Amino acid sequence: MGGSASGTPWWSQSRVITPCGPPALVRAAGHVIGVGTCDQGLSKPPQKVTLIVGQRIDVHMNGYDRLPHSSVPVVLAPGAVSQDRATQTYRAARPGHAQLVSGTHGCLAFRHKELKEVPGSCPVVAVTVVP
C-alpha cells in the first residue's frame, strides 16, 4: 500500500494543509490531496486527476465504511486493499475517463446558488487516463 521506509502509512504522513480533516486523501503521481468538506462530506464536482497508463492512484477514506468503486474498471482497475479496508490502490489500465465513486447516499453540490445536499452517490475523484 505504499508505506514509507519507517513503516508509517503514506496517508498519516501526508503534508496536506487544511483547517480540518478531509473525508478522503488521494495520492496520485507522488502528490497527496485532501478531498471533500470540513464536515467530513464529499462534494460535487470532484477533484480532477490525470494519470498515464500504468500509473497508480491510492485512496484513503477517513471514517467511511466502504471504499469507492471505479465507474469504468477497464480504465481505472481496482487493486490492493489495506488490511483495515480504509485504503485501496487503483491502476490506470487504458486511456479514458473514470470516477472513483463512494457509497454515500448524498453529497454537497457547490454549483448551485446556495450550497445544498443532493441525493445519490458521490464521486471522490475524477480521473483522466492518457496514453
N, C-alpha and C. Protein backbone atom coordinates (compact mmCIF):
# COMPACT_ATOMS: atom_id res chain seq x y z
N MET A 1 0.82 -1.19 0.00
CA MET A 1 0.00 0.00 0.00
C MET A 1 0.86 1.26 0.00
N GLY A 2 2.12 1.11 -0.17
CA GLY A 2 2.95 2.29 -0.34
C GLY A 2 3.32 3.01 0.93
N GLY A 3 3.63 2.28 1.98
CA GLY A 3 4.10 2.92 3.20
C GLY A 3 5.51 3.44 3.02
N SER A 4 6.03 4.06 4.03
CA SER A 4 7.39 4.58 3.95
C SER A 4 8.37 3.56 4.52
N ALA A 5 9.64 3.90 4.45
CA ALA A 5 10.68 3.02 4.99
C ALA A 5 10.49 2.82 6.49
N SER A 6 9.88 3.81 7.15
CA SER A 6 9.66 3.70 8.59
C SER A 6 8.45 2.85 8.92
N GLY A 7 7.69 2.44 7.90
CA GLY A 7 6.50 1.62 8.13
C GLY A 7 5.24 2.43 8.39
N THR A 8 5.35 3.74 8.36
CA THR A 8 4.19 4.60 8.57
C THR A 8 3.42 4.73 7.26
N PRO A 9 2.09 4.56 7.28
CA PRO A 9 1.31 4.67 6.05
C PRO A 9 1.44 6.06 5.42
N TRP A 10 1.37 6.11 4.07
CA TRP A 10 1.51 7.38 3.34
C TRP A 10 0.49 8.41 3.79
N TRP A 11 -0.72 7.99 4.08
CA TRP A 11 -1.78 8.94 4.41
C TRP A 11 -1.62 9.56 5.79
N SER A 12 -0.88 8.92 6.69
CA SER A 12 -0.70 9.50 8.02
C SER A 12 0.45 10.50 8.06
N GLN A 13 1.30 10.49 7.03
CA GLN A 13 2.42 11.42 7.00
C GLN A 13 2.29 12.43 5.87
N SER A 14 1.10 12.49 5.25
CA SER A 14 0.91 13.44 4.15
C SER A 14 0.99 14.86 4.69
N ARG A 15 1.40 15.75 3.85
CA ARG A 15 1.56 17.14 4.25
C ARG A 15 0.42 18.00 3.70
N VAL A 16 -0.78 17.42 3.67
CA VAL A 16 -1.95 18.17 3.22
C VAL A 16 -2.30 19.17 4.31
N ILE A 17 -2.28 20.45 3.95
CA ILE A 17 -2.57 21.50 4.91
C ILE A 17 -4.01 21.95 4.73
N THR A 18 -4.85 21.64 5.71
CA THR A 18 -6.24 22.07 5.68
C THR A 18 -6.62 22.51 7.08
N PRO A 19 -7.65 23.36 7.19
CA PRO A 19 -8.08 23.78 8.52
C PRO A 19 -8.85 22.67 9.23
N CYS A 20 -9.15 21.59 8.53
CA CYS A 20 -9.89 20.47 9.11
C CYS A 20 -9.45 19.19 8.41
N GLY A 21 -9.91 18.07 8.89
CA GLY A 21 -9.55 16.80 8.27
C GLY A 21 -10.50 16.44 7.15
N PRO A 22 -10.01 16.24 5.94
CA PRO A 22 -10.88 15.87 4.83
C PRO A 22 -11.37 14.42 4.97
N PRO A 23 -12.52 14.09 4.35
CA PRO A 23 -13.03 12.72 4.45
C PRO A 23 -12.22 11.70 3.66
N ALA A 24 -11.41 12.19 2.71
CA ALA A 24 -10.59 11.26 1.92
C ALA A 24 -9.28 11.93 1.54
N LEU A 25 -8.25 11.11 1.42
CA LEU A 25 -6.97 11.55 0.88
C LEU A 25 -6.69 10.74 -0.36
N VAL A 26 -6.19 11.41 -1.40
CA VAL A 26 -5.89 10.78 -2.67
C VAL A 26 -4.42 11.02 -2.97
N ARG A 27 -3.71 9.94 -3.31
CA ARG A 27 -2.30 10.06 -3.70
C ARG A 27 -2.17 9.61 -5.15
N ALA A 28 -1.71 10.54 -5.99
CA ALA A 28 -1.53 10.24 -7.41
C ALA A 28 -0.27 10.94 -7.90
N ALA A 29 0.55 10.23 -8.64
CA ALA A 29 1.78 10.77 -9.22
C ALA A 29 2.63 11.49 -8.18
N GLY A 30 2.69 10.92 -6.97
CA GLY A 30 3.53 11.48 -5.93
C GLY A 30 2.95 12.64 -5.15
N HIS A 31 1.73 13.06 -5.47
CA HIS A 31 1.09 14.18 -4.77
C HIS A 31 -0.10 13.67 -3.97
N VAL A 32 -0.29 14.24 -2.78
CA VAL A 32 -1.42 13.88 -1.93
C VAL A 32 -2.34 15.08 -1.83
N ILE A 33 -3.63 14.84 -2.08
CA ILE A 33 -4.63 15.91 -1.96
C ILE A 33 -5.75 15.44 -1.04
N GLY A 34 -6.29 16.37 -0.29
CA GLY A 34 -7.47 16.10 0.52
C GLY A 34 -8.70 16.41 -0.31
N VAL A 35 -9.72 15.58 -0.23
CA VAL A 35 -10.95 15.83 -0.98
C VAL A 35 -12.14 15.84 -0.03
N GLY A 36 -13.13 16.67 -0.36
CA GLY A 36 -14.33 16.76 0.44
C GLY A 36 -14.38 18.02 1.27
N THR A 37 -15.30 18.04 2.22
CA THR A 37 -15.56 19.23 3.02
C THR A 37 -15.08 19.05 4.46
N CYS A 38 -15.05 20.14 5.20
CA CYS A 38 -14.59 20.09 6.59
C CYS A 38 -15.49 19.26 7.50
N ASP A 39 -16.76 19.12 7.13
CA ASP A 39 -17.65 18.33 7.99
C ASP A 39 -17.71 16.87 7.56
N GLN A 40 -16.63 16.41 6.93
CA GLN A 40 -16.45 15.02 6.52
C GLN A 40 -17.39 14.59 5.41
N GLY A 41 -17.89 15.55 4.62
CA GLY A 41 -18.75 15.22 3.50
C GLY A 41 -17.99 15.25 2.18
N LEU A 42 -18.46 14.45 1.23
CA LEU A 42 -17.92 14.51 -0.12
C LEU A 42 -18.73 15.53 -0.91
N SER A 43 -18.17 16.00 -2.02
CA SER A 43 -18.83 17.08 -2.74
C SER A 43 -18.74 16.92 -4.24
N LYS A 44 -19.63 17.60 -4.93
CA LYS A 44 -19.63 17.67 -6.39
C LYS A 44 -19.37 19.11 -6.77
N PRO A 45 -18.62 19.42 -7.77
CA PRO A 45 -17.86 18.49 -8.62
C PRO A 45 -16.63 17.97 -7.87
N PRO A 46 -16.13 16.80 -8.29
CA PRO A 46 -14.97 16.22 -7.60
C PRO A 46 -13.65 16.85 -8.05
N GLN A 47 -12.61 16.59 -7.26
CA GLN A 47 -11.25 16.93 -7.68
C GLN A 47 -10.94 16.15 -8.95
N LYS A 48 -10.06 16.69 -9.79
CA LYS A 48 -9.67 16.02 -11.03
C LYS A 48 -8.20 15.67 -10.99
N VAL A 49 -7.89 14.47 -11.51
CA VAL A 49 -6.52 13.98 -11.55
C VAL A 49 -6.28 13.38 -12.94
N THR A 50 -5.08 13.59 -13.47
CA THR A 50 -4.70 12.96 -14.74
C THR A 50 -3.57 11.98 -14.48
N LEU A 51 -3.72 10.77 -15.01
CA LEU A 51 -2.71 9.72 -14.87
C LEU A 51 -2.29 9.23 -16.25
N ILE A 52 -1.11 8.66 -16.32
CA ILE A 52 -0.61 8.00 -17.52
C ILE A 52 -0.88 6.50 -17.35
N VAL A 53 -1.22 5.83 -18.44
CA VAL A 53 -1.46 4.38 -18.37
C VAL A 53 -0.31 3.72 -17.60
N GLY A 54 -0.67 2.89 -16.64
CA GLY A 54 0.31 2.19 -15.81
C GLY A 54 0.50 2.84 -14.44
N GLN A 55 0.19 4.13 -14.31
CA GLN A 55 0.33 4.78 -13.01
C GLN A 55 -0.75 4.29 -12.05
N ARG A 56 -0.51 4.53 -10.79
CA ARG A 56 -1.45 4.11 -9.75
C ARG A 56 -1.96 5.31 -8.96
N ILE A 57 -3.14 5.14 -8.41
CA ILE A 57 -3.74 6.14 -7.54
C ILE A 57 -4.21 5.41 -6.29
N ASP A 58 -3.93 5.99 -5.14
CA ASP A 58 -4.34 5.43 -3.85
C ASP A 58 -5.39 6.33 -3.23
N VAL A 59 -6.39 5.72 -2.61
CA VAL A 59 -7.43 6.49 -1.92
C VAL A 59 -7.55 5.96 -0.50
N HIS A 60 -7.48 6.88 0.47
CA HIS A 60 -7.68 6.54 1.88
C HIS A 60 -8.94 7.25 2.34
N MET A 61 -9.91 6.48 2.84
CA MET A 61 -11.17 7.04 3.31
C MET A 61 -11.14 7.16 4.83
N ASN A 62 -11.40 8.35 5.33
CA ASN A 62 -11.42 8.61 6.77
C ASN A 62 -12.85 8.46 7.29
N GLY A 63 -13.13 7.42 8.04
CA GLY A 63 -14.42 7.28 8.69
C GLY A 63 -15.56 6.81 7.80
N TYR A 64 -15.27 6.26 6.65
CA TYR A 64 -16.33 5.72 5.80
C TYR A 64 -16.27 4.20 5.86
N ASP A 65 -17.43 3.56 5.75
CA ASP A 65 -17.49 2.11 5.84
C ASP A 65 -17.00 1.40 4.58
N ARG A 66 -17.15 2.08 3.43
CA ARG A 66 -16.82 1.42 2.18
C ARG A 66 -15.85 2.24 1.36
N LEU A 67 -15.01 1.53 0.62
CA LEU A 67 -14.10 2.18 -0.30
C LEU A 67 -14.84 2.53 -1.59
N PRO A 68 -14.36 3.53 -2.32
CA PRO A 68 -15.02 3.88 -3.58
C PRO A 68 -14.79 2.79 -4.63
N HIS A 69 -15.70 2.74 -5.61
CA HIS A 69 -15.54 1.82 -6.73
C HIS A 69 -15.28 2.62 -8.00
N SER A 70 -14.64 1.98 -8.96
CA SER A 70 -14.35 2.62 -10.24
C SER A 70 -15.59 2.58 -11.11
N SER A 71 -15.95 3.74 -11.69
CA SER A 71 -17.11 3.79 -12.57
C SER A 71 -16.84 3.09 -13.89
N VAL A 72 -15.56 2.97 -14.27
CA VAL A 72 -15.17 2.28 -15.51
C VAL A 72 -13.92 1.44 -15.20
N PRO A 73 -14.12 0.22 -14.69
CA PRO A 73 -12.98 -0.60 -14.27
C PRO A 73 -11.97 -0.94 -15.37
N VAL A 74 -12.37 -0.90 -16.64
CA VAL A 74 -11.39 -1.16 -17.70
C VAL A 74 -10.44 0.02 -17.89
N VAL A 75 -10.83 1.20 -17.42
CA VAL A 75 -9.97 2.39 -17.48
C VAL A 75 -9.19 2.52 -16.18
N LEU A 76 -9.88 2.39 -15.06
CA LEU A 76 -9.26 2.52 -13.73
C LEU A 76 -9.57 1.25 -12.96
N ALA A 77 -8.61 0.32 -12.96
CA ALA A 77 -8.83 -1.02 -12.40
C ALA A 77 -8.56 -1.05 -10.90
N PRO A 78 -9.47 -1.67 -10.13
CA PRO A 78 -9.25 -1.80 -8.69
C PRO A 78 -8.09 -2.74 -8.40
N GLY A 79 -7.39 -2.45 -7.30
CA GLY A 79 -6.25 -3.27 -6.91
C GLY A 79 -6.26 -3.57 -5.43
N ALA A 80 -5.08 -3.57 -4.84
CA ALA A 80 -4.89 -3.98 -3.44
C ALA A 80 -5.70 -3.12 -2.47
N VAL A 81 -6.18 -3.78 -1.40
CA VAL A 81 -6.92 -3.13 -0.33
C VAL A 81 -6.14 -3.34 0.96
N SER A 82 -6.04 -2.30 1.78
CA SER A 82 -5.32 -2.40 3.05
C SER A 82 -6.05 -3.33 4.02
N GLN A 83 -5.33 -3.82 5.02
CA GLN A 83 -5.92 -4.73 6.00
C GLN A 83 -7.10 -4.10 6.73
N ASP A 84 -7.03 -2.80 7.00
CA ASP A 84 -8.12 -2.15 7.71
C ASP A 84 -9.26 -1.73 6.78
N ARG A 85 -9.12 -2.02 5.49
CA ARG A 85 -10.12 -1.76 4.46
C ARG A 85 -10.47 -0.28 4.34
N ALA A 86 -9.51 0.59 4.65
CA ALA A 86 -9.72 2.04 4.54
C ALA A 86 -8.95 2.64 3.36
N THR A 87 -8.05 1.85 2.75
CA THR A 87 -7.21 2.35 1.67
C THR A 87 -7.21 1.33 0.53
N GLN A 88 -7.31 1.86 -0.70
CA GLN A 88 -7.25 0.98 -1.87
C GLN A 88 -6.41 1.64 -2.95
N THR A 89 -5.72 0.79 -3.73
CA THR A 89 -4.94 1.23 -4.88
C THR A 89 -5.71 0.87 -6.14
N TYR A 90 -5.67 1.77 -7.12
CA TYR A 90 -6.29 1.55 -8.42
C TYR A 90 -5.21 1.79 -9.47
N ARG A 91 -5.30 1.09 -10.61
CA ARG A 91 -4.30 1.21 -11.67
C ARG A 91 -4.94 1.79 -12.93
N ALA A 92 -4.26 2.77 -13.52
CA ALA A 92 -4.70 3.34 -14.79
C ALA A 92 -4.42 2.30 -15.88
N ALA A 93 -5.47 1.62 -16.35
CA ALA A 93 -5.30 0.48 -17.24
C ALA A 93 -5.29 0.85 -18.72
N ARG A 94 -6.11 1.84 -19.11
CA ARG A 94 -6.12 2.26 -20.51
C ARG A 94 -6.70 3.66 -20.59
N PRO A 95 -6.45 4.37 -21.69
CA PRO A 95 -6.93 5.76 -21.80
C PRO A 95 -8.45 5.85 -21.68
N GLY A 96 -8.89 6.93 -21.05
CA GLY A 96 -10.32 7.18 -20.89
C GLY A 96 -10.58 8.00 -19.64
N HIS A 97 -11.85 8.06 -19.26
CA HIS A 97 -12.28 8.81 -18.08
C HIS A 97 -13.02 7.87 -17.14
N ALA A 98 -12.79 8.03 -15.85
CA ALA A 98 -13.48 7.25 -14.83
C ALA A 98 -13.57 8.08 -13.56
N GLN A 99 -14.49 7.72 -12.71
CA GLN A 99 -14.59 8.33 -11.39
C GLN A 99 -14.47 7.23 -10.35
N LEU A 100 -13.87 7.58 -9.22
CA LEU A 100 -13.93 6.72 -8.06
C LEU A 100 -15.12 7.22 -7.26
N VAL A 101 -16.13 6.36 -7.11
CA VAL A 101 -17.42 6.77 -6.57
C VAL A 101 -17.64 6.11 -5.21
N SER A 102 -18.06 6.93 -4.24
CA SER A 102 -18.30 6.41 -2.90
C SER A 102 -19.70 5.81 -2.80
N GLY A 103 -19.92 5.09 -1.74
CA GLY A 103 -21.24 4.50 -1.50
C GLY A 103 -22.11 5.36 -0.61
N THR A 104 -21.76 6.64 -0.42
CA THR A 104 -22.58 7.51 0.42
C THR A 104 -23.92 7.77 -0.26
N HIS A 105 -24.87 8.27 0.50
CA HIS A 105 -26.22 8.48 -0.02
C HIS A 105 -26.54 9.94 -0.26
N GLY A 106 -25.55 10.77 -0.35
CA GLY A 106 -25.77 12.19 -0.61
C GLY A 106 -24.46 12.94 -0.50
N CYS A 107 -24.37 14.05 -1.20
CA CYS A 107 -23.16 14.86 -1.12
C CYS A 107 -23.53 16.32 -1.35
N LEU A 108 -22.58 17.19 -1.11
CA LEU A 108 -22.81 18.62 -1.24
C LEU A 108 -22.50 19.08 -2.66
N ALA A 109 -23.40 19.87 -3.23
CA ALA A 109 -23.21 20.39 -4.58
C ALA A 109 -22.83 21.85 -4.49
N PHE A 110 -21.68 22.21 -5.07
CA PHE A 110 -21.17 23.57 -4.99
C PHE A 110 -21.52 24.41 -6.21
N ARG A 111 -22.22 23.85 -7.18
CA ARG A 111 -22.55 24.60 -8.38
C ARG A 111 -23.94 25.24 -8.32
N HIS A 112 -24.60 25.11 -7.21
CA HIS A 112 -25.91 25.74 -7.04
C HIS A 112 -25.73 27.12 -6.44
N LYS A 113 -26.76 27.97 -6.54
CA LYS A 113 -26.67 29.32 -5.97
C LYS A 113 -26.36 29.25 -4.48
N GLU A 114 -26.97 28.30 -3.81
CA GLU A 114 -26.63 28.07 -2.40
C GLU A 114 -26.19 26.62 -2.28
N LEU A 115 -25.32 26.40 -1.34
CA LEU A 115 -24.82 25.05 -1.11
C LEU A 115 -25.98 24.16 -0.71
N LYS A 116 -26.14 23.01 -1.36
CA LYS A 116 -27.22 22.11 -0.97
C LYS A 116 -26.77 20.66 -1.10
N GLU A 117 -27.44 19.82 -0.32
CA GLU A 117 -27.14 18.39 -0.39
C GLU A 117 -27.98 17.77 -1.49
N VAL A 118 -27.34 16.94 -2.30
CA VAL A 118 -28.04 16.25 -3.38
C VAL A 118 -27.98 14.75 -3.12
N PRO A 119 -29.07 14.03 -3.42
CA PRO A 119 -29.07 12.59 -3.18
C PRO A 119 -28.22 11.85 -4.20
N GLY A 120 -27.85 10.63 -3.86
CA GLY A 120 -27.09 9.78 -4.77
C GLY A 120 -25.66 9.60 -4.31
N SER A 121 -24.94 8.75 -5.02
CA SER A 121 -23.55 8.50 -4.67
C SER A 121 -22.69 9.70 -5.04
N CYS A 122 -21.57 9.82 -4.37
CA CYS A 122 -20.68 10.96 -4.57
C CYS A 122 -19.35 10.53 -5.16
N PRO A 123 -18.85 11.28 -6.12
CA PRO A 123 -17.51 11.00 -6.62
C PRO A 123 -16.46 11.45 -5.61
N VAL A 124 -15.45 10.63 -5.44
CA VAL A 124 -14.32 11.00 -4.58
C VAL A 124 -13.32 11.77 -5.43
N VAL A 125 -13.06 11.27 -6.64
CA VAL A 125 -12.12 11.91 -7.55
C VAL A 125 -12.47 11.52 -8.99
N ALA A 126 -12.28 12.44 -9.92
CA ALA A 126 -12.47 12.17 -11.34
C ALA A 126 -11.10 11.98 -11.97
N VAL A 127 -10.93 10.90 -12.72
CA VAL A 127 -9.62 10.54 -13.25
C VAL A 127 -9.67 10.49 -14.79
N THR A 128 -8.71 11.16 -15.39
CA THR A 128 -8.49 11.04 -16.83
C THR A 128 -7.20 10.27 -17.02
N VAL A 129 -7.27 9.22 -17.82
CA VAL A 129 -6.08 8.42 -18.10
C VAL A 129 -5.65 8.67 -19.54
N VAL A 130 -4.38 9.05 -19.70
CA VAL A 130 -3.83 9.35 -21.03
C VAL A 130 -2.77 8.30 -21.39
N PRO A 131 -2.51 8.12 -22.71
CA PRO A 131 -1.51 7.12 -23.13
C PRO A 131 -0.11 7.42 -22.61
